Amino acid sequence: MAGRKKEVEDRWEYKIKRMKKNIKLREIAKEIGLSVSYISQHENYKRNMDTQHVIQYKQFIDQY
Protein backbone atom coordinates (compact mmCIF):
# COMPACT_ATOMS: atom_id res chain seq x y z
CA MET A 1 0.00 0.00 0.00
CA ALA A 2 2.87 2.39 0.74
CA GLY A 3 4.17 1.89 -2.80
CA ARG A 4 0.83 2.97 -4.26
CA LYS A 5 0.76 6.10 -2.11
CA LYS A 6 4.28 7.00 -3.26
CA GLU A 7 3.26 6.53 -6.91
CA VAL A 8 0.25 8.83 -6.49
CA GLU A 9 2.36 11.50 -4.76
CA ASP A 10 5.02 11.16 -7.45
CA ARG A 11 2.53 11.66 -10.29
CA TRP A 12 1.03 14.69 -8.58
CA GLU A 13 4.49 16.17 -7.88
CA TYR A 14 5.56 15.83 -11.52
CA LYS A 15 2.29 17.20 -12.87
CA ILE A 16 2.72 20.29 -10.66
CA LYS A 17 6.39 20.62 -11.69
CA ARG A 18 5.38 20.43 -15.35
CA MET A 19 2.71 23.07 -14.91
CA LYS A 20 5.03 25.42 -12.97
CA LYS A 21 7.63 25.15 -15.74
CA ASN A 22 4.86 25.75 -18.31
CA ILE A 23 5.70 22.54 -20.17
CA LYS A 24 2.97 21.52 -22.58
CA LEU A 25 1.88 17.91 -22.80
CA ARG A 26 2.54 17.99 -26.55
CA GLU A 27 6.22 18.81 -25.88
CA ILE A 28 6.62 15.75 -23.67
CA ALA A 29 4.57 13.58 -26.03
CA LYS A 30 6.78 14.47 -28.97
CA GLU A 31 9.96 13.81 -26.99
CA ILE A 32 9.01 10.42 -25.54
CA GLY A 33 6.83 9.11 -28.37
CA LEU A 34 3.43 8.92 -26.69
CA SER A 35 0.19 10.73 -27.42
CA VAL A 36 -0.90 13.81 -25.49
CA SER A 37 -4.00 11.97 -24.29
CA TYR A 38 -1.93 9.04 -23.01
CA ILE A 39 0.26 11.33 -20.90
CA SER A 40 -2.77 13.24 -19.65
CA GLN A 41 -4.45 10.00 -18.61
CA HIS A 42 -1.26 8.98 -16.79
CA GLU A 43 -1.12 12.28 -14.89
CA ASN A 44 -4.77 11.90 -13.95
CA TYR A 45 -4.42 8.30 -12.68
CA LYS A 46 -6.48 6.79 -15.52
CA ARG A 47 -3.62 4.93 -17.22
CA ASN A 48 -0.20 3.64 -16.29
CA MET A 49 2.91 4.21 -18.37
CA ASP A 50 5.61 1.57 -18.58
CA THR A 51 8.73 2.16 -16.51
CA GLN A 52 10.87 3.39 -19.41
CA HIS A 53 8.35 6.06 -20.41
CA VAL A 54 7.96 7.19 -16.79
CA ILE A 55 11.74 7.65 -16.60
CA GLN A 56 11.76 9.64 -19.85
CA TYR A 57 8.78 11.73 -18.67
CA LYS A 58 10.48 12.61 -15.39
CA GLN A 59 13.83 13.34 -17.03
CA PHE A 60 12.23 15.68 -19.55
CA ILE A 61 10.52 17.65 -16.78
CA ASP A 62 13.60 17.72 -14.54
CA GLN A 63 15.92 18.86 -17.34
CA TYR A 64 13.59 21.42 -18.91
C-alpha atoms as a PDB file:
ATOM      1  CA  MET A   1       0.000   0.000   0.000  1.00  0.00           C
ATOM      2  CA  ALA A   2       2.868   2.388   0.741  1.00  0.00           C
ATOM      3  CA  GLY A   3       4.167   1.891  -2.804  1.00  0.00           C
ATOM      4  CA  ARG A   4       0.831   2.966  -4.263  1.00  0.00           C
ATOM      5  CA  LYS A   5       0.760   6.102  -2.109  1.00  0.00           C
ATOM      6  CA  LYS A   6       4.279   7.005  -3.265  1.00  0.00           C
ATOM      7  CA  GLU A   7       3.263   6.530  -6.910  1.00  0.00           C
ATOM      8  CA  VAL A   8       0.249   8.834  -6.488  1.00  0.00           C
ATOM      9  CA  GLU A   9       2.356  11.502  -4.758  1.00  0.00           C
ATOM     10  CA  ASP A  10       5.018  11.157  -7.455  1.00  0.00           C
ATOM     11  CA  ARG A  11       2.526  11.661 -10.294  1.00  0.00           C
ATOM     12  CA  TRP A  12       1.034  14.686  -8.583  1.00  0.00           C
ATOM     13  CA  GLU A  13       4.492  16.165  -7.884  1.00  0.00           C
ATOM     14  CA  TYR A  14       5.559  15.834 -11.520  1.00  0.00           C
ATOM     15  CA  LYS A  15       2.289  17.196 -12.866  1.00  0.00           C
ATOM     16  CA  ILE A  16       2.717  20.288 -10.656  1.00  0.00           C
ATOM     17  CA  LYS A  17       6.392  20.618 -11.685  1.00  0.00           C
ATOM     18  CA  ARG A  18       5.378  20.426 -15.350  1.00  0.00           C
ATOM     19  CA  MET A  19       2.713  23.075 -14.913  1.00  0.00           C
ATOM     20  CA  LYS A  20       5.027  25.417 -12.971  1.00  0.00           C
ATOM     21  CA  LYS A  21       7.625  25.147 -15.743  1.00  0.00           C
ATOM     22  CA  ASN A  22       4.860  25.754 -18.307  1.00  0.00           C
ATOM     23  CA  ILE A  23       5.700  22.543 -20.168  1.00  0.00           C
ATOM     24  CA  LYS A  24       2.971  21.519 -22.577  1.00  0.00           C
ATOM     25  CA  LEU A  25       1.885  17.908 -22.799  1.00  0.00           C
ATOM     26  CA  ARG A  26       2.541  17.991 -26.546  1.00  0.00           C
ATOM     27  CA  GLU A  27       6.221  18.808 -25.878  1.00  0.00           C
ATOM     28  CA  ILE A  28       6.623  15.749 -23.674  1.00  0.00           C
ATOM     29  CA  ALA A  29       4.574  13.583 -26.030  1.00  0.00           C
ATOM     30  CA  LYS A  30       6.783  14.469 -28.974  1.00  0.00           C
ATOM     31  CA  GLU A  31       9.962  13.811 -26.994  1.00  0.00           C
ATOM     32  CA  ILE A  32       9.015  10.417 -25.543  1.00  0.00           C
ATOM     33  CA  GLY A  33       6.832   9.109 -28.367  1.00  0.00           C
ATOM     34  CA  LEU A  34       3.434   8.921 -26.694  1.00  0.00           C
ATOM     35  CA  SER A  35       0.187  10.735 -27.424  1.00  0.00           C
ATOM     36  CA  VAL A  36      -0.900  13.806 -25.493  1.00  0.00           C
ATOM     37  CA  SER A  37      -4.004  11.974 -24.285  1.00  0.00           C
ATOM     38  CA  TYR A  38      -1.928   9.040 -23.013  1.00  0.00           C
ATOM     39  CA  ILE A  39       0.259  11.325 -20.898  1.00  0.00           C
ATOM     40  CA  SER A  40      -2.771  13.237 -19.653  1.00  0.00           C
ATOM     41  CA  GLN A  41      -4.445   9.996 -18.613  1.00  0.00           C
ATOM     42  CA  HIS A  42      -1.262   8.978 -16.788  1.00  0.00           C
ATOM     43  CA  GLU A  43      -1.125  12.275 -14.894  1.00  0.00           C
ATOM     44  CA  ASN A  44      -4.774  11.904 -13.946  1.00  0.00           C
ATOM     45  CA  TYR A  45      -4.423   8.304 -12.680  1.00  0.00           C
ATOM     46  CA  LYS A  46      -6.477   6.791 -15.518  1.00  0.00           C
ATOM     47  CA  ARG A  47      -3.619   4.933 -17.217  1.00  0.00           C
ATOM     48  CA  ASN A  48      -0.196   3.636 -16.289  1.00  0.00           C
ATOM     49  CA  MET A  49       2.914   4.208 -18.372  1.00  0.00           C
ATOM     50  CA  ASP A  50       5.607   1.571 -18.583  1.00  0.00           C
ATOM     51  CA  THR A  51       8.726   2.161 -16.515  1.00  0.00           C
ATOM     52  CA  GLN A  52      10.874   3.389 -19.411  1.00  0.00           C
ATOM     53  CA  HIS A  53       8.348   6.059 -20.408  1.00  0.00           C
ATOM     54  CA  VAL A  54       7.964   7.186 -16.791  1.00  0.00           C
ATOM     55  CA  ILE A  55      11.735   7.647 -16.599  1.00  0.00           C
ATOM     56  CA  GLN A  56      11.761   9.645 -19.849  1.00  0.00           C
ATOM     57  CA  TYR A  57       8.777  11.733 -18.670  1.00  0.00           C
ATOM     58  CA  LYS A  58      10.484  12.612 -15.387  1.00  0.00           C
ATOM     59  CA  GLN A  59      13.832  13.343 -17.029  1.00  0.00           C
ATOM     60  CA  PHE A  60      12.228  15.682 -19.547  1.00  0.00           C
ATOM     61  CA  ILE A  61      10.517  17.653 -16.781  1.00  0.00           C
ATOM     62  CA  ASP A  62      13.599  17.722 -14.539  1.00  0.00           C
ATOM     63  CA  GLN A  63      15.917  18.859 -17.338  1.00  0.00           C
ATOM     64  CA  TYR A  64      13.588  21.418 -18.913  1.00  0.00           C
END
